[in-house]
Protein backbone atom coordinates (compact mmCIF):
# COMPACT_ATOMS: atom_id res chain seq x y z
CA MET A 1 116.05 79.58 104.87
CA LYS A 2 116.98 82.59 106.99
CA ILE A 3 114.59 84.78 104.99
CA LEU A 4 111.70 82.39 105.63
CA LYS A 5 112.38 82.51 109.36
CA THR A 6 112.43 86.32 109.25
CA PHE A 7 109.08 86.51 107.44
CA GLY A 8 107.66 83.84 109.71
CA ASN A 9 108.36 86.04 112.74
CA ILE A 10 106.24 88.99 111.54
CA PRO A 11 103.42 89.49 114.07
CA HIS A 12 99.87 88.71 112.96
CA ASP A 13 98.80 92.32 113.65
CA LYS A 14 101.38 93.68 111.20
CA LEU A 15 100.31 91.19 108.53
CA LEU A 16 96.71 92.38 108.93
CA HIS A 17 97.85 95.98 108.48
CA PHE A 18 99.70 94.95 105.32
CA PHE A 19 96.66 93.04 104.03
CA TYR A 20 94.21 95.88 104.57
CA GLY A 21 96.74 98.39 103.25
CA THR A 22 96.94 96.33 100.08
CA ILE A 23 93.17 96.31 99.66
CA ILE A 24 92.88 100.07 100.28
CA THR A 25 95.77 100.77 97.89
CA PHE A 26 94.33 98.57 95.14
CA VAL A 27 90.86 100.13 95.31
CA SER A 28 92.07 103.71 95.63
CA VAL A 29 94.56 103.37 92.73
CA LEU A 30 91.88 101.70 90.63
CA ILE A 31 89.53 104.64 91.21
CA PHE A 32 91.88 107.64 91.48
CA GLY A 33 95.11 106.55 89.80
CA LEU A 34 98.44 107.40 91.42
CA LYS A 35 96.83 110.07 93.58
CA GLY A 36 94.92 107.26 95.26
CA LEU A 37 98.09 106.25 97.09
CA TRP A 38 97.60 109.28 99.32
CA ILE A 39 94.25 107.86 100.40
CA THR A 40 96.03 104.85 101.88
CA VAL A 41 98.48 107.10 103.72
CA VAL A 42 95.69 109.28 105.11
CA ILE A 43 93.58 106.30 106.20
CA ALA A 44 96.59 104.67 107.87
CA ALA A 45 97.50 107.87 109.72
CA ALA A 46 93.89 108.51 110.75
CA LYS A 47 93.52 104.98 112.03
CA GLU A 48 96.62 105.24 114.18
CA LEU A 49 96.03 108.79 115.43
CA ILE A 50 92.28 108.98 115.82
CA TYR A 51 91.18 105.42 116.49
CA ASP A 52 94.17 104.22 118.49
CA LYS A 53 95.51 107.35 120.18
CA LEU A 54 92.51 109.64 120.73
CA MET A 55 89.78 107.04 121.17
CA LYS A 56 92.17 104.66 123.00
CA LYS A 57 90.78 101.59 121.20
CA GLY A 58 94.21 100.16 120.39
CA ASN A 59 97.95 100.82 120.49
CA CYS A 60 99.24 103.69 118.40
CA GLU A 61 102.35 102.26 116.71
CA VAL A 62 104.54 103.65 113.96
CA MET A 63 105.15 100.13 112.63
CA ASP A 64 101.40 99.65 112.12
CA PHE A 65 101.40 102.79 109.98
CA ILE A 66 104.45 101.59 108.04
CA PHE A 67 102.98 98.13 107.38
CA THR A 68 99.74 99.72 106.16
CA CYS A 69 101.63 102.04 103.80
CA LEU A 70 104.10 99.40 102.58
CA PRO A 71 101.85 98.35 99.64
CA CYS A 72 101.98 101.98 98.42
CA ILE A 73 105.76 101.84 98.31
CA MET A 74 105.67 98.48 96.56
CA PHE A 75 103.20 99.83 94.01
CA LEU A 76 105.40 102.87 93.31
CA ILE A 77 108.45 100.66 92.81
CA LEU A 78 106.57 98.45 90.34
CA TYR A 79 105.08 101.47 88.57
CA TYR A 80 108.42 103.21 88.04
CA VAL A 81 110.26 100.02 87.08
CA ARG A 82 107.59 99.36 84.46
CA THR A 83 108.00 102.86 82.98
CA LEU A 84 111.78 102.49 82.52
């Protein structure tokens, strides 16, 4: 029950970053293989640095970057567990 409360408290903005990170990761891995994970990292960093910080269209937050890249980490865990 405590876990459900923890996940229920994740802000909507972070969930959107996770969702779009998942889509970007899926498409980039489908097209480029494992090297496609770097595309997600670059897009997440560019979004935070260029769009949010330089253009001042949003808040530049490290947690936004982490939530966008989290699907990459999950994919790597599943990939390496499968190869064991």
